[in-house]
Structures are given as C-alpha cells and as structure tokens.
Protein backbone atom coordinates (compact mmCIF):
# COMPACT_ATOMS: atom_id res chain seq x y z
CA MET A 1 6.98 -13.83 1.11
CA ARG A 2 6.79 -10.14 0.13
CA TYR A 3 8.76 -7.09 1.24
CA ILE A 4 8.89 -3.30 1.05
CA ASP A 5 11.84 -0.92 1.49
CA VAL A 6 11.19 2.17 3.63
CA THR A 7 13.39 5.06 4.76
CA GLY A 8 13.25 7.20 7.90
CA LYS A 9 15.34 9.51 10.04
CA THR A 10 16.09 6.56 12.31
CA GLU A 11 15.78 2.78 12.00
CA ALA A 12 12.86 2.81 14.46
CA GLU A 13 11.03 5.50 12.48
CA ALA A 14 11.50 3.59 9.20
CA ILE A 15 10.14 0.39 10.77
CA GLU A 16 7.15 2.27 12.20
CA LYS A 17 6.37 3.78 8.79
CA ALA A 18 6.51 0.34 7.17
CA LEU A 19 4.15 -1.18 9.75
CA SER A 20 1.74 1.74 9.29
CA GLN A 21 1.72 1.29 5.50
CA LEU A 22 1.17 -2.46 5.73
CA GLY A 23 -1.37 -2.30 8.53
CA LEU A 24 0.52 -5.08 10.37
CA GLU A 25 2.03 -5.53 13.83
CA ARG A 26 5.74 -5.83 14.62
CA ASP A 27 5.42 -9.57 15.31
CA ASP A 28 3.97 -10.13 11.82
CA VAL A 29 7.11 -9.01 9.97
CA SER A 30 10.88 -9.46 9.89
CA VAL A 31 13.20 -6.46 9.53
CA GLU A 32 16.55 -6.13 7.78
CA ILE A 33 18.60 -2.96 8.20
CA LEU A 34 19.84 -1.98 4.73
CA GLU A 35 21.41 1.37 5.64
CA ARG A 36 21.89 2.85 9.09
CA ALA A 37 21.13 6.50 9.73
CA LYS A 38 24.08 8.91 9.65
CA SER A 39 23.90 12.21 11.50
CA GLY A 40 26.85 13.82 9.70
CA PHE A 41 28.62 16.93 10.93
CA PHE A 42 26.17 19.73 11.72
CA GLY A 43 23.74 18.04 9.34
CA ILE A 44 26.24 17.86 6.49
CA GLY A 45 26.64 14.40 5.03
CA SER A 46 23.66 13.01 6.94
CA SER A 47 21.62 10.20 5.42
CA PRO A 48 18.37 8.47 6.44
CA ALA A 49 18.04 4.91 7.59
CA LYS A 50 16.71 2.32 5.14
CA VAL A 51 15.05 -0.95 6.20
CA ARG A 52 13.53 -3.89 4.36
CA VAL A 53 10.37 -5.24 5.99
CA THR A 54 9.40 -8.74 4.91
CA TYR A 55 5.94 -10.13 5.58
CA ASP A 56 4.01 -13.29 4.79
CA ASN A 57 1.23 -13.27 2.19
CA ALA A 58 -1.01 -14.83 4.82
CA ALA A 59 -0.84 -11.60 6.84
CA GLN A 60 -2.32 -9.65 3.91
CA GLU A 61 -4.98 -12.35 3.47
CA ASP A 62 -5.92 -11.93 7.14
CA VAL A 63 -6.45 -8.22 6.49
CA LEU A 64 -8.79 -9.02 3.61
CA GLU A 65 -10.69 -11.51 5.77
CA GLU A 66 -11.19 -8.76 8.36
CA ILE A 67 -12.48 -6.53 5.59
CA GLU A 68 -14.99 -9.18 4.51
CA GLN A 69 -16.28 -9.46 8.08
CA LEU A 70 -16.44 -5.69 8.44
CA VAL A 71 -18.30 -4.82 5.24
CA GLU A 72 -20.39 -7.92 4.71
CA PRO A 73 -21.16 -9.42 8.13
CA ALA A 74 -22.64 -12.87 8.09
CA PRO A 75 -26.43 -12.88 8.57
CA PRO A 76 -27.53 -13.85 12.08
CA ALA A 77 -28.32 -17.50 12.51
CA GLU A 78 -31.96 -18.35 12.67
CA ASN A 79 -33.11 -19.18 16.18
CA PRO A 80 -34.43 -22.73 16.20
CA GLN A 81 -37.83 -23.20 17.76
CA PRO A 82 -37.57 -24.68 21.26
CA VAL A 83 -38.53 -28.31 21.33
CA GLU A 84 -39.68 -29.93 24.50
CA GLU A 85 -38.07 -33.29 25.07
CA PRO A 86 -39.95 -35.30 27.66
CA LYS A 87 -37.65 -37.70 29.41
CA ALA A 88 -40.05 -40.61 29.65
CA GLU A 89 -41.94 -40.46 26.33
CA ARG A 90 -40.57 -42.56 23.47
CA PRO A 91 -36.95 -41.32 23.30
CA ARG A 92 -36.33 -43.30 20.08
CA GLY A 93 -39.14 -41.59 18.21
CA GLU A 94 -37.94 -38.22 19.39
CA LYS A 95 -34.43 -39.00 18.17
CA LYS A 96 -35.71 -39.84 14.68
CA SER A 97 -37.86 -36.71 14.50
CA GLN A 98 -34.93 -34.60 15.67
CA GLU A 99 -32.71 -36.10 12.95
CA LYS A 100 -35.35 -35.19 10.35
CA ARG A 101 -35.47 -31.61 11.64
CA GLU A 102 -31.69 -31.40 11.40
CA LYS A 103 -31.65 -32.73 7.85
CA ARG A 104 -34.28 -30.32 6.53
CA PRO A 105 -32.35 -27.08 7.10
CA GLN A 106 -29.23 -28.77 5.75
CA GLU A 107 -31.06 -29.82 2.58
CA LYS A 108 -32.50 -26.31 2.32
CA ARG A 109 -29.02 -24.78 2.53
CA GLU A 110 -27.72 -27.17 -0.14
CA SER A 111 -30.57 -26.30 -2.49
CA GLN A 112 -29.93 -22.60 -1.92
CA ASN A 113 -26.22 -22.99 -2.66
CA ARG A 114 -26.73 -24.65 -6.06
CA PRO A 115 -28.12 -21.60 -7.90
CA GLU A 116 -25.48 -19.37 -6.27
CA LYS A 117 -22.70 -21.45 -7.85
CA LYS A 118 -24.33 -21.10 -11.24
CA ALA A 119 -24.63 -17.34 -10.80
CA GLU A 120 -20.87 -17.01 -10.24
CA LYS A 121 -20.08 -18.22 -13.76
CA PRO A 122 -19.16 -15.36 -16.12
CA ALA A 123 -21.45 -14.46 -18.99
CA PRO A 124 -20.39 -16.42 -22.09
CA ALA A 125 -20.62 -13.51 -24.53
CA PRO A 126 -19.68 -9.89 -23.73
CA ALA A 127 -22.16 -7.19 -24.60
CA ALA A 128 -19.49 -4.64 -25.58
CA PRO A 129 -19.29 -5.49 -29.32
CA VAL A 130 -22.98 -4.70 -29.74
CA GLU A 131 -22.47 -1.22 -28.24
CA LEU A 132 -19.39 -0.55 -30.38
CA GLY A 133 -21.20 -0.98 -33.65
CA GLU A 134 -19.82 -2.79 -36.68
CA GLU A 135 -16.32 -4.17 -36.96
CA VAL A 136 -13.73 -2.14 -38.83
CA ASN A 137 -11.28 -3.33 -41.47
CA ASP A 138 -9.14 -0.29 -42.23
CA GLU A 139 -5.35 -0.36 -42.62
CA LYS A 140 -4.62 -0.29 -38.89
CA ALA A 141 -7.23 -2.94 -38.18
CA GLN A 142 -5.62 -5.20 -40.80
CA GLN A 143 -2.21 -4.70 -39.15
CA ILE A 144 -3.69 -5.53 -35.76
CA ARG A 145 -5.39 -8.64 -37.10
CA THR A 146 -2.27 -9.84 -38.94
CA PHE A 147 -0.06 -9.47 -35.86
CA LEU A 148 -2.53 -11.06 -33.44
CA THR A 149 -3.24 -13.98 -35.79
CA GLY A 150 0.45 -14.87 -35.86
CA LEU A 151 0.85 -14.36 -32.11
CA LEU A 152 -2.17 -16.54 -31.28
CA GLU A 153 -0.91 -19.29 -33.55
CA HIS A 154 2.34 -19.40 -31.55
CA MET A 155 0.22 -19.63 -28.39
CA ASP A 156 -1.85 -22.53 -29.85
CA SER A 157 -5.03 -20.48 -29.58
CA ALA A 158 -7.83 -20.44 -32.13
CA ALA A 159 -9.52 -17.36 -30.68
CA ALA A 160 -11.60 -15.21 -33.01
CA ILE A 161 -10.44 -11.60 -33.39
CA LYS A 162 -13.01 -8.78 -33.52
CA ILE A 163 -11.86 -5.19 -33.97
CA TYR A 164 -13.88 -2.02 -33.34
CA LEU A 165 -13.19 1.72 -33.50
CA PRO A 166 -15.39 3.46 -30.88
CA GLU A 167 -13.23 6.63 -30.99
CA LYS A 168 -10.74 8.07 -33.42
CA ASP A 169 -7.33 6.36 -33.12
CA ARG A 170 -8.61 4.09 -30.34
CA TYR A 171 -9.10 0.48 -31.36
CA LYS A 172 -10.79 -2.11 -29.19
CA VAL A 173 -10.00 -5.75 -29.84
CA TYR A 174 -12.05 -8.61 -28.42
CA LEU A 175 -10.77 -12.18 -28.40
CA GLU A 176 -13.49 -14.81 -28.32
CA GLY A 177 -13.44 -18.59 -28.19
CA GLU A 178 -12.80 -21.51 -25.86
CA LYS A 179 -10.11 -21.80 -23.18
CA MET A 180 -9.62 -18.06 -22.94
CA GLY A 181 -8.06 -18.39 -19.51
CA GLN A 182 -4.64 -19.03 -21.03
CA LEU A 183 -4.88 -15.71 -22.91
CA ILE A 184 -5.94 -13.81 -19.78
CA GLY A 185 -3.42 -15.29 -17.39
CA ARG A 186 -3.03 -14.67 -13.69
CA ARG A 187 -4.73 -11.36 -12.90
CA GLY A 188 -4.65 -10.47 -16.58
CA GLU A 189 -0.85 -10.54 -16.90
CA THR A 190 -0.87 -12.48 -20.18
CA LEU A 191 -3.60 -10.24 -21.61
CA ASP A 192 -1.56 -7.16 -20.65
CA ALA A 193 1.48 -8.61 -22.42
CA ILE A 194 -0.56 -9.29 -25.58
CA GLN A 195 -1.86 -5.72 -25.52
CA GLN A 196 1.61 -4.23 -25.07
CA LEU A 197 3.10 -6.35 -27.87
CA THR A 198 0.26 -5.40 -30.21
CA ASN A 199 0.66 -1.69 -29.50
CA TYR A 200 4.42 -1.92 -30.06
CA ALA A 201 4.12 -3.90 -33.29
CA VAL A 202 1.50 -1.62 -34.87
CA ASN A 203 2.98 1.71 -33.72
CA ARG A 204 6.63 0.87 -34.35
CA ASP A 205 8.36 3.47 -36.56
CA ARG A 206 5.09 5.43 -36.88
CA ASP A 207 4.76 9.17 -36.37
CA LYS A 208 1.04 8.94 -35.64
CA ARG A 209 0.31 6.44 -32.91
CA VAL A 210 -2.96 4.70 -32.14
CA ARG A 211 -4.11 3.13 -28.87
CA ILE A 212 -5.09 -0.53 -28.94
CA HIS A 213 -7.16 -2.04 -26.13
CA VAL A 214 -7.23 -5.86 -26.04
CA ASP A 215 -9.81 -7.75 -23.98
CA ALA A 216 -11.05 -11.33 -23.64
CA GLU A 217 -14.35 -12.52 -22.14
CA ASN A 218 -14.95 -8.96 -20.92
CA TYR A 219 -12.22 -9.56 -18.34
CA ARG A 220 -11.13 -5.96 -17.94
CA GLU A 221 -14.59 -4.67 -17.05
CA LYS A 222 -15.05 -7.47 -14.52
CA ARG A 223 -11.60 -6.81 -13.05
CA GLU A 224 -12.40 -3.10 -12.75
CA GLN A 225 -15.63 -3.85 -10.87
CA SER A 226 -13.75 -6.24 -8.57
CA LEU A 227 -11.10 -3.61 -7.81
CA GLU A 228 -13.73 -0.95 -7.06
CA HIS A 229 -15.45 -3.39 -4.69
CA LEU A 230 -12.13 -4.13 -2.95
CA ALA A 231 -11.34 -0.40 -2.70
CA ARG A 232 -14.61 0.33 -0.90
CA LYS A 233 -14.03 -2.53 1.55
CA VAL A 234 -10.49 -1.41 2.31
CA ALA A 235 -11.63 2.20 2.77
CA ALA A 236 -14.25 1.10 5.30
CA LYS A 237 -11.57 -0.72 7.30
CA VAL A 238 -9.16 2.22 7.13
CA VAL A 239 -11.80 4.66 8.41
CA LYS A 240 -12.94 2.38 11.22
CA TYR A 241 -9.51 1.37 12.53
CA ARG A 242 -7.61 4.49 11.40
CA LYS A 243 -4.84 2.27 10.08
CA ASN A 244 -3.30 2.33 6.61
CA VAL A 245 -3.60 -0.68 4.30
CA THR A 246 -1.14 -1.49 1.50
CA LEU A 247 -2.62 -3.45 -1.40
CA GLU A 248 -0.93 -6.06 -3.55
CA PRO A 249 1.23 -4.96 -6.52
CA MET A 250 -0.84 -3.67 -9.45
CA ASN A 251 -0.15 -2.27 -12.89
CA ALA A 252 -0.69 1.41 -13.69
CA TYR A 253 -4.25 0.95 -14.95
CA GLU A 254 -5.39 -1.02 -11.89
CA ARG A 255 -3.81 1.52 -9.55
CA HIS A 256 -5.71 4.25 -11.42
CA VAL A 257 -8.97 2.37 -10.79
CA ILE A 258 -8.28 2.30 -7.03
CA HIS A 259 -7.32 5.99 -6.90
CA THR A 260 -10.44 6.99 -8.86
CA ALA A 261 -12.80 4.83 -6.78
CA LEU A 262 -11.63 6.45 -3.51
CA GLN A 263 -10.92 10.02 -4.58
CA ASP A 264 -14.14 11.35 -3.02
CA VAL A 265 -14.22 9.12 0.09
CA GLU A 266 -14.07 11.18 3.27
CA HIS A 267 -11.09 10.63 5.61
CA VAL A 268 -9.33 8.47 3.01
CA THR A 269 -6.42 9.29 0.72
CA THR A 270 -4.43 7.08 -1.64
CA TYR A 271 -0.91 7.12 -2.99
CA SER A 272 1.44 4.70 -4.76
CA MET A 273 4.77 3.42 -3.49
CA GLY A 274 7.53 1.14 -4.73
CA THR A 275 8.88 0.51 -8.21
CA GLU A 276 7.50 -1.48 -11.11
CA PRO A 277 6.50 -4.26 -11.27
CA ASN A 278 5.97 -4.20 -7.48
CA ARG A 279 4.38 -0.76 -7.24
CA ARG A 280 1.45 -0.73 -4.78
CA VAL A 281 -1.42 1.49 -3.72
CA VAL A 282 -1.56 2.58 -0.08
CA VAL A 283 -5.02 3.42 1.26
CA ALA A 284 -4.30 5.80 4.14
CA TYR A 285 -6.39 7.43 6.86
CA GLU A 286 -6.67 11.21 6.60
CA LYS A 287 -8.05 13.33 9.43
C-alpha cells in the first residue's frame, strides 16, 4: 500500500486534489483526516485541512496497463479463411484437418516468440568504454579504485573496475563481471548507494570536489531510455483523458529524466511532490 498527504481549504477539496494527482477514483482509495480545516476569526488563525490518501499498488498498475493499451494497441487478429464444413462428408477427416490448421498458427506463434525472448536480453558488454577512450590512473582514479575494491570485497563481488575521465573532474566508473544484478539492486538502488559512498569517500575533507558516476552493465542508460518511454506513454494518456497521473517514487536524477522528456510536450506539464525518498513526479494536463 502507498499513500500521499495533501492539503486543501476543506477536507473535500484536499481529497479531490489527491484523486486528481493520482488519477484514481474515490472508490480506489481510503482517506484519513490528519488535520481538519480551521476558519479562524476573520481569517486570523485559519489553517488548511490535511488528508492522507492511501491506495493499492494494483491501482497504479491498472493505470500503466491502460497506458500500454492506449499507446501500443494490440495488432488486429488475422481473419481466418472461411472453411465450408459439409454435414454429410467424412466428419472425422474434417476434424483432423481442422486440428492441423489450428496447430499451425500456434506453432508459428511459438516460433515467432523464441527470437523475441532472445532480443530482450541485455547486451553483455557496454559500448561506453570504447567512446571514453583509455582508462585513467591518476591520483583520484587510484583513490576511487582503492575504495571500490574494498567495498566490493565486503559485498563478495569480483567485479572488474574500469575508470575513465571524459571531462575534467568528472570520472566515470564501469563495473564489469558476472552476477552484476546484486550490485545494481532493485531499480538501481544498490548502484546509487555505491555511487554515493564513493563520492563521499573520495571527496571527504577536500576543497576541490570531483563527480564520480558509477555504472554496471550500462544500466543507467537503459533505465533512462525506459523512463523516457514511460513518460511518453503517460503523457499520451494525460492528454487523451485530461487526468493527472502520479508516478512511482524516484530519485532526483530519474525525476529529472521525466521532466526533460516532457518539457516540450503540448498540453502537458510536470512537477514533483512529496519528500525524499518518496518524492514523485506528477504528469498533469495543461490547457
């Protein structure tokens, strides 16, 4: 279960704002009154109402399913050729031939699905290191390598560490090896933690700071493409139904990707709400 806290002049207005932000109906949520509205004396001492609206994750998944149907409608089913079925002519033979006809499209679909599954597998080696030139081994790179080596040992990971310097004071670190999923974590949470720890360890007590970007299996680029794809789908739904959609909690970088992807989309505006780590992007309809 998830929830958001919303304020309004009245309890009813706060609830309506929450439903608009979530893109859900009143029956899909439960409401808890945190603070009732106070009118005060001639406006002095007045305070808004505050409500907590709790909703099921399944409701948000239903929204995404609607988006999938909206943006990528399923291709129309092929019309089978009409087959005449004489009543008196060899019904057994017709039954066998009909079973064969039913099996063939099924086998065709299975054969078509096999290559699609293979295509979903991520590329084993990222192309980024080739574009970034040769690895660096300056003082900062040595500090980065020393810290990450110790950290990965504690995490029982034998990942190889490659460090590049595409821009001044901006280091890019790529972790390569087997079982990289444990270093990426759910939606990149573990990878974000590794990056934050590395930045803190290297820049601690330093006047001149450097930025360290840590990636594994090109995850961040793939995640960025996935977020841009989601943003376009959500925007299409918002424009069609003129109803706001609130996305799942994201970190600052992922929220920036959503804002950037939709900044030039007509009739759509975006803003963030909530507090970390549950801060979300709202994709709203704009006339």
